[in-house]
Amino acid sequence: MSGAKKGPAAGEMLQGTLDMLVLRTLVMGAAHGHTIAQVIEHTSENALEVEQGSLYPALHRLEDRGLVSAKWGVSENNRRAKFYQLTAAGKRKLAAETSRWRQMTRAIGLILGESSE
């Protein structure tokens, strides 16, 4: 175990934020859960740790809502894995959530005294 302090685990993130990050990750193409978690962690420079206990419920929720589709395949280490892919509805939802996120972070930045430039 390393002594480096990571940021909040996905379980500590707002549910909608994890959903948005998963959808954003799938823009690059179909992926299985382990890869999705790795991409989020790597892209955030290891600031966000995605735990299975948060990720898989999020993937099932997104699938139930028609925002991702899933099919079984074989992973890079030759194991059976469920691969998730963004749907057209998922792309629309990601665009809307990204816009909402940017408005919210701008508003919070204004309150914290950050410049809007």
N, C-alpha and C. Protein backbone atom coordinates (compact mmCIF):
# COMPACT_ATOMS: atom_id res chain seq x y z
N MET A 1 0.85 -1.18 0.00
CA MET A 1 0.00 0.00 0.00
C MET A 1 0.89 1.23 0.00
N SER A 2 0.62 2.17 -0.88
CA SER A 2 1.45 3.37 -0.97
C SER A 2 0.99 4.40 0.04
N GLY A 3 1.90 5.30 0.38
CA GLY A 3 1.58 6.35 1.33
C GLY A 3 0.94 7.55 0.67
N ALA A 4 0.85 7.53 -0.66
CA ALA A 4 0.28 8.68 -1.37
C ALA A 4 -1.22 8.78 -1.08
N LYS A 5 -1.66 9.96 -0.80
CA LYS A 5 -3.08 10.21 -0.51
C LYS A 5 -3.82 10.42 -1.81
N LYS A 6 -4.82 9.62 -2.05
CA LYS A 6 -5.67 9.78 -3.23
C LYS A 6 -6.83 10.69 -2.88
N GLY A 7 -7.50 11.15 -3.91
CA GLY A 7 -8.68 11.97 -3.71
C GLY A 7 -9.85 11.10 -3.29
N PRO A 8 -11.06 11.64 -3.41
CA PRO A 8 -12.24 10.90 -2.96
C PRO A 8 -12.47 9.65 -3.79
N ALA A 9 -12.90 8.60 -3.14
CA ALA A 9 -13.31 7.40 -3.86
C ALA A 9 -14.63 7.71 -4.55
N ALA A 10 -14.94 6.92 -5.56
CA ALA A 10 -16.17 7.17 -6.32
C ALA A 10 -17.40 7.15 -5.42
N GLY A 11 -17.36 6.33 -4.36
CA GLY A 11 -18.49 6.27 -3.43
C GLY A 11 -18.74 7.59 -2.74
N GLU A 12 -17.71 8.41 -2.66
CA GLU A 12 -17.84 9.72 -2.03
C GLU A 12 -18.25 10.79 -3.04
N MET A 13 -18.19 10.46 -4.33
CA MET A 13 -18.61 11.39 -5.37
C MET A 13 -20.13 11.39 -5.45
N LEU A 14 -20.66 12.46 -5.95
CA LEU A 14 -22.09 12.48 -6.21
C LEU A 14 -22.41 11.42 -7.26
N GLN A 15 -23.52 10.74 -7.10
CA GLN A 15 -23.91 9.67 -8.02
C GLN A 15 -23.90 10.15 -9.46
N GLY A 16 -24.47 11.29 -9.74
CA GLY A 16 -24.53 11.80 -11.10
C GLY A 16 -23.16 12.10 -11.68
N THR A 17 -22.21 12.44 -10.82
CA THR A 17 -20.86 12.72 -11.29
C THR A 17 -20.20 11.44 -11.77
N LEU A 18 -20.33 10.36 -11.04
CA LEU A 18 -19.76 9.09 -11.47
C LEU A 18 -20.40 8.65 -12.79
N ASP A 19 -21.71 8.79 -12.89
CA ASP A 19 -22.40 8.43 -14.13
C ASP A 19 -21.82 9.23 -15.31
N MET A 20 -21.62 10.54 -15.12
CA MET A 20 -21.08 11.39 -16.17
C MET A 20 -19.67 10.95 -16.55
N LEU A 21 -18.84 10.61 -15.57
CA LEU A 21 -17.47 10.17 -15.85
C LEU A 21 -17.46 8.85 -16.60
N VAL A 22 -18.36 7.94 -16.26
CA VAL A 22 -18.45 6.67 -16.98
C VAL A 22 -18.87 6.92 -18.42
N LEU A 23 -19.90 7.75 -18.62
CA LEU A 23 -20.34 8.05 -19.98
C LEU A 23 -19.21 8.68 -20.79
N ARG A 24 -18.49 9.60 -20.17
CA ARG A 24 -17.37 10.28 -20.87
C ARG A 24 -16.29 9.28 -21.26
N THR A 25 -16.01 8.34 -20.39
CA THR A 25 -15.00 7.32 -20.67
C THR A 25 -15.41 6.48 -21.87
N LEU A 26 -16.70 6.19 -22.00
CA LEU A 26 -17.18 5.33 -23.09
C LEU A 26 -17.25 6.04 -24.43
N VAL A 27 -17.00 7.35 -24.47
CA VAL A 27 -16.94 8.07 -25.75
C VAL A 27 -15.84 7.46 -26.62
N MET A 28 -14.79 6.95 -25.98
CA MET A 28 -13.65 6.39 -26.71
C MET A 28 -13.96 5.02 -27.31
N GLY A 29 -15.05 4.40 -26.90
CA GLY A 29 -15.41 3.09 -27.42
C GLY A 29 -15.81 2.15 -26.29
N ALA A 30 -16.25 0.97 -26.67
CA ALA A 30 -16.72 -0.03 -25.70
C ALA A 30 -15.58 -0.43 -24.76
N ALA A 31 -15.94 -0.67 -23.50
CA ALA A 31 -14.94 -1.08 -22.50
C ALA A 31 -15.63 -1.87 -21.41
N HIS A 32 -14.86 -2.71 -20.72
CA HIS A 32 -15.40 -3.43 -19.57
C HIS A 32 -15.10 -2.64 -18.31
N GLY A 33 -15.72 -3.03 -17.21
CA GLY A 33 -15.66 -2.25 -15.97
C GLY A 33 -14.27 -1.95 -15.48
N HIS A 34 -13.38 -2.94 -15.50
CA HIS A 34 -12.02 -2.72 -15.00
C HIS A 34 -11.32 -1.63 -15.81
N THR A 35 -11.48 -1.67 -17.12
CA THR A 35 -10.86 -0.66 -17.98
C THR A 35 -11.46 0.72 -17.72
N ILE A 36 -12.78 0.80 -17.54
CA ILE A 36 -13.44 2.07 -17.25
C ILE A 36 -12.85 2.69 -15.99
N ALA A 37 -12.72 1.88 -14.94
CA ALA A 37 -12.16 2.37 -13.68
C ALA A 37 -10.72 2.85 -13.88
N GLN A 38 -9.92 2.07 -14.60
CA GLN A 38 -8.52 2.45 -14.85
C GLN A 38 -8.42 3.76 -15.62
N VAL A 39 -9.26 3.93 -16.63
CA VAL A 39 -9.22 5.15 -17.44
C VAL A 39 -9.58 6.37 -16.59
N ILE A 40 -10.62 6.26 -15.77
CA ILE A 40 -10.99 7.37 -14.90
C ILE A 40 -9.86 7.71 -13.94
N GLU A 41 -9.28 6.68 -13.34
CA GLU A 41 -8.18 6.92 -12.40
C GLU A 41 -6.98 7.54 -13.10
N HIS A 42 -6.60 6.98 -14.24
CA HIS A 42 -5.43 7.49 -14.97
C HIS A 42 -5.66 8.91 -15.48
N THR A 43 -6.83 9.15 -16.07
CA THR A 43 -7.13 10.47 -16.63
C THR A 43 -7.19 11.54 -15.55
N SER A 44 -7.62 11.16 -14.35
CA SER A 44 -7.69 12.12 -13.24
C SER A 44 -6.35 12.23 -12.50
N GLU A 45 -5.31 11.65 -13.10
CA GLU A 45 -3.98 11.61 -12.47
C GLU A 45 -4.06 10.98 -11.08
N ASN A 46 -4.85 9.92 -10.99
CA ASN A 46 -5.05 9.13 -9.77
C ASN A 46 -5.70 9.91 -8.63
N ALA A 47 -6.36 11.02 -8.96
CA ALA A 47 -7.07 11.79 -7.94
C ALA A 47 -8.40 11.13 -7.59
N LEU A 48 -8.98 10.40 -8.54
CA LEU A 48 -10.27 9.74 -8.32
C LEU A 48 -10.07 8.23 -8.36
N GLU A 49 -10.49 7.57 -7.31
CA GLU A 49 -10.40 6.12 -7.23
C GLU A 49 -11.80 5.55 -7.39
N VAL A 50 -11.98 4.69 -8.38
CA VAL A 50 -13.30 4.12 -8.66
C VAL A 50 -13.34 2.70 -8.11
N GLU A 51 -14.18 2.49 -7.13
CA GLU A 51 -14.32 1.18 -6.50
C GLU A 51 -15.41 0.37 -7.18
N GLN A 52 -15.22 -0.94 -7.21
CA GLN A 52 -16.20 -1.82 -7.84
C GLN A 52 -17.59 -1.67 -7.24
N GLY A 53 -17.65 -1.43 -5.95
CA GLY A 53 -18.94 -1.29 -5.26
C GLY A 53 -19.72 -0.07 -5.70
N SER A 54 -19.06 0.88 -6.35
CA SER A 54 -19.73 2.05 -6.90
C SER A 54 -19.88 1.94 -8.41
N LEU A 55 -18.84 1.39 -9.06
CA LEU A 55 -18.84 1.34 -10.52
C LEU A 55 -19.92 0.44 -11.10
N TYR A 56 -20.02 -0.79 -10.61
CA TYR A 56 -20.96 -1.73 -11.23
C TYR A 56 -22.42 -1.33 -11.02
N PRO A 57 -22.80 -0.82 -9.85
CA PRO A 57 -24.17 -0.30 -9.74
C PRO A 57 -24.41 0.86 -10.72
N ALA A 58 -23.40 1.71 -10.93
CA ALA A 58 -23.54 2.82 -11.88
C ALA A 58 -23.73 2.28 -13.30
N LEU A 59 -22.93 1.29 -13.68
CA LEU A 59 -23.07 0.70 -15.02
C LEU A 59 -24.44 0.06 -15.20
N HIS A 60 -24.94 -0.64 -14.19
CA HIS A 60 -26.28 -1.26 -14.29
C HIS A 60 -27.36 -0.19 -14.37
N ARG A 61 -27.21 0.88 -13.60
CA ARG A 61 -28.17 1.99 -13.63
C ARG A 61 -28.18 2.63 -15.02
N LEU A 62 -27.00 2.87 -15.59
CA LEU A 62 -26.91 3.47 -16.92
C LEU A 62 -27.50 2.55 -17.99
N GLU A 63 -27.29 1.25 -17.82
CA GLU A 63 -27.86 0.29 -18.76
C GLU A 63 -29.38 0.26 -18.64
N ASP A 64 -29.89 0.26 -17.41
CA ASP A 64 -31.35 0.27 -17.20
C ASP A 64 -32.01 1.50 -17.80
N ARG A 65 -31.29 2.61 -17.81
CA ARG A 65 -31.82 3.87 -18.36
C ARG A 65 -31.60 3.98 -19.86
N GLY A 66 -30.99 3.00 -20.48
CA GLY A 66 -30.76 3.01 -21.92
C GLY A 66 -29.62 3.94 -22.35
N LEU A 67 -28.77 4.33 -21.42
CA LEU A 67 -27.67 5.24 -21.74
C LEU A 67 -26.42 4.49 -22.19
N VAL A 68 -26.32 3.22 -21.81
CA VAL A 68 -25.27 2.33 -22.30
C VAL A 68 -25.91 1.00 -22.66
N SER A 69 -25.27 0.30 -23.58
CA SER A 69 -25.68 -1.07 -23.88
C SER A 69 -24.52 -1.97 -23.46
N ALA A 70 -24.81 -3.24 -23.27
CA ALA A 70 -23.78 -4.16 -22.81
C ALA A 70 -23.86 -5.47 -23.56
N LYS A 71 -22.70 -6.07 -23.78
CA LYS A 71 -22.66 -7.42 -24.35
C LYS A 71 -21.41 -8.11 -23.83
N TRP A 72 -21.50 -9.44 -23.78
CA TRP A 72 -20.39 -10.23 -23.27
C TRP A 72 -19.33 -10.40 -24.35
N GLY A 73 -18.07 -10.38 -23.90
CA GLY A 73 -16.95 -10.59 -24.80
C GLY A 73 -15.78 -11.13 -24.01
N VAL A 74 -14.59 -11.08 -24.62
CA VAL A 74 -13.38 -11.58 -23.98
C VAL A 74 -12.44 -10.40 -23.77
N SER A 75 -11.95 -10.26 -22.54
CA SER A 75 -11.06 -9.16 -22.19
C SER A 75 -9.65 -9.41 -22.72
N GLU A 76 -8.79 -8.40 -22.56
CA GLU A 76 -7.41 -8.51 -23.05
C GLU A 76 -6.63 -9.62 -22.34
N ASN A 77 -7.06 -10.02 -21.14
CA ASN A 77 -6.38 -11.13 -20.45
C ASN A 77 -7.14 -12.45 -20.63
N ASN A 78 -7.94 -12.51 -21.71
CA ASN A 78 -8.63 -13.73 -22.14
C ASN A 78 -9.69 -14.22 -21.14
N ARG A 79 -10.31 -13.28 -20.43
CA ARG A 79 -11.41 -13.63 -19.52
C ARG A 79 -12.72 -13.10 -20.07
N ARG A 80 -13.78 -13.80 -19.72
CA ARG A 80 -15.12 -13.35 -20.12
C ARG A 80 -15.44 -12.07 -19.35
N ALA A 81 -15.90 -11.05 -20.08
CA ALA A 81 -16.20 -9.76 -19.44
C ALA A 81 -17.37 -9.10 -20.18
N LYS A 82 -18.10 -8.29 -19.45
CA LYS A 82 -19.21 -7.54 -20.03
C LYS A 82 -18.66 -6.20 -20.52
N PHE A 83 -18.86 -5.91 -21.79
CA PHE A 83 -18.39 -4.66 -22.40
C PHE A 83 -19.56 -3.70 -22.54
N TYR A 84 -19.33 -2.47 -22.13
CA TYR A 84 -20.36 -1.43 -22.15
C TYR A 84 -20.05 -0.45 -23.27
N GLN A 85 -21.12 0.02 -23.92
CA GLN A 85 -20.97 0.96 -25.03
C GLN A 85 -22.00 2.07 -24.88
N LEU A 86 -21.60 3.27 -25.22
CA LEU A 86 -22.47 4.43 -25.15
C LEU A 86 -23.56 4.33 -26.23
N THR A 87 -24.80 4.63 -25.87
CA THR A 87 -25.90 4.67 -26.85
C THR A 87 -26.11 6.11 -27.30
N ALA A 88 -26.96 6.30 -28.29
CA ALA A 88 -27.29 7.67 -28.74
C ALA A 88 -27.88 8.47 -27.58
N ALA A 89 -28.76 7.84 -26.80
CA ALA A 89 -29.34 8.52 -25.63
C ALA A 89 -28.26 8.88 -24.63
N GLY A 90 -27.26 7.99 -24.47
CA GLY A 90 -26.15 8.25 -23.57
C GLY A 90 -25.32 9.45 -24.03
N LYS A 91 -25.12 9.57 -25.33
CA LYS A 91 -24.37 10.72 -25.88
C LYS A 91 -25.12 12.03 -25.59
N ARG A 92 -26.44 12.01 -25.76
CA ARG A 92 -27.24 13.21 -25.47
C ARG A 92 -27.19 13.56 -23.99
N LYS A 93 -27.30 12.55 -23.15
CA LYS A 93 -27.26 12.75 -21.70
C LYS A 93 -25.89 13.30 -21.29
N LEU A 94 -24.82 12.78 -21.86
CA LEU A 94 -23.47 13.26 -21.55
C LEU A 94 -23.33 14.73 -21.93
N ALA A 95 -23.83 15.11 -23.09
CA ALA A 95 -23.74 16.51 -23.52
C ALA A 95 -24.49 17.42 -22.54
N ALA A 96 -25.69 17.00 -22.13
CA ALA A 96 -26.48 17.80 -21.20
C ALA A 96 -25.80 17.89 -19.83
N GLU A 97 -25.30 16.77 -19.33
CA GLU A 97 -24.66 16.74 -18.02
C GLU A 97 -23.35 17.53 -18.02
N THR A 98 -22.62 17.47 -19.13
CA THR A 98 -21.36 18.22 -19.23
C THR A 98 -21.66 19.71 -19.18
N SER A 99 -22.68 20.15 -19.87
CA SER A 99 -23.08 21.56 -19.85
C SER A 99 -23.50 21.98 -18.45
N ARG A 100 -24.30 21.15 -17.79
CA ARG A 100 -24.75 21.45 -16.44
C ARG A 100 -23.56 21.51 -15.49
N TRP A 101 -22.62 20.57 -15.62
CA TRP A 101 -21.43 20.53 -14.77
C TRP A 101 -20.62 21.82 -14.94
N ARG A 102 -20.42 22.25 -16.17
CA ARG A 102 -19.64 23.47 -16.43
C ARG A 102 -20.32 24.69 -15.84
N GLN A 103 -21.64 24.77 -15.93
CA GLN A 103 -22.37 25.89 -15.33
C GLN A 103 -22.20 25.88 -13.82
N MET A 104 -22.30 24.69 -13.22
CA MET A 104 -22.20 24.57 -11.78
C MET A 104 -20.79 24.92 -11.29
N THR A 105 -19.76 24.39 -11.96
CA THR A 105 -18.40 24.68 -11.51
C THR A 105 -18.05 26.15 -11.72
N ARG A 106 -18.60 26.78 -12.75
CA ARG A 106 -18.39 28.22 -12.95
C ARG A 106 -19.03 29.00 -11.81
N ALA A 107 -20.26 28.63 -11.46
CA ALA A 107 -20.97 29.31 -10.38
C ALA A 107 -20.23 29.15 -9.05
N ILE A 108 -19.76 27.95 -8.76
CA ILE A 108 -19.01 27.72 -7.52
C ILE A 108 -17.72 28.52 -7.54
N GLY A 109 -17.05 28.55 -8.69
CA GLY A 109 -15.83 29.34 -8.83
C GLY A 109 -16.07 30.81 -8.55
N LEU A 110 -17.19 31.32 -9.02
CA LEU A 110 -17.53 32.73 -8.75
C LEU A 110 -17.70 32.98 -7.26
N ILE A 111 -18.37 32.05 -6.60
CA ILE A 111 -18.57 32.19 -5.15
C ILE A 111 -17.24 32.13 -4.41
N LEU A 112 -16.33 31.29 -4.89
CA LEU A 112 -15.01 31.16 -4.24
C LEU A 112 -14.06 32.28 -4.63
N GLY A 113 -14.54 33.20 -5.46
CA GLY A 113 -13.72 34.37 -5.82
C GLY A 113 -12.78 34.14 -6.98
N GLU A 114 -12.99 33.06 -7.74
CA GLU A 114 -12.16 32.83 -8.91
C GLU A 114 -12.67 33.67 -10.06
N SER A 115 -11.77 34.09 -10.90
CA SER A 115 -12.15 34.92 -12.04
C SER A 115 -12.91 34.09 -13.05
N SER A 116 -13.80 34.69 -13.79
CA SER A 116 -14.62 33.96 -14.76
C SER A 116 -13.96 33.94 -16.14
N GLU A 117 -12.72 34.32 -16.22
CA GLU A 117 -12.04 34.38 -17.52
C GLU A 117 -11.38 33.07 -17.87
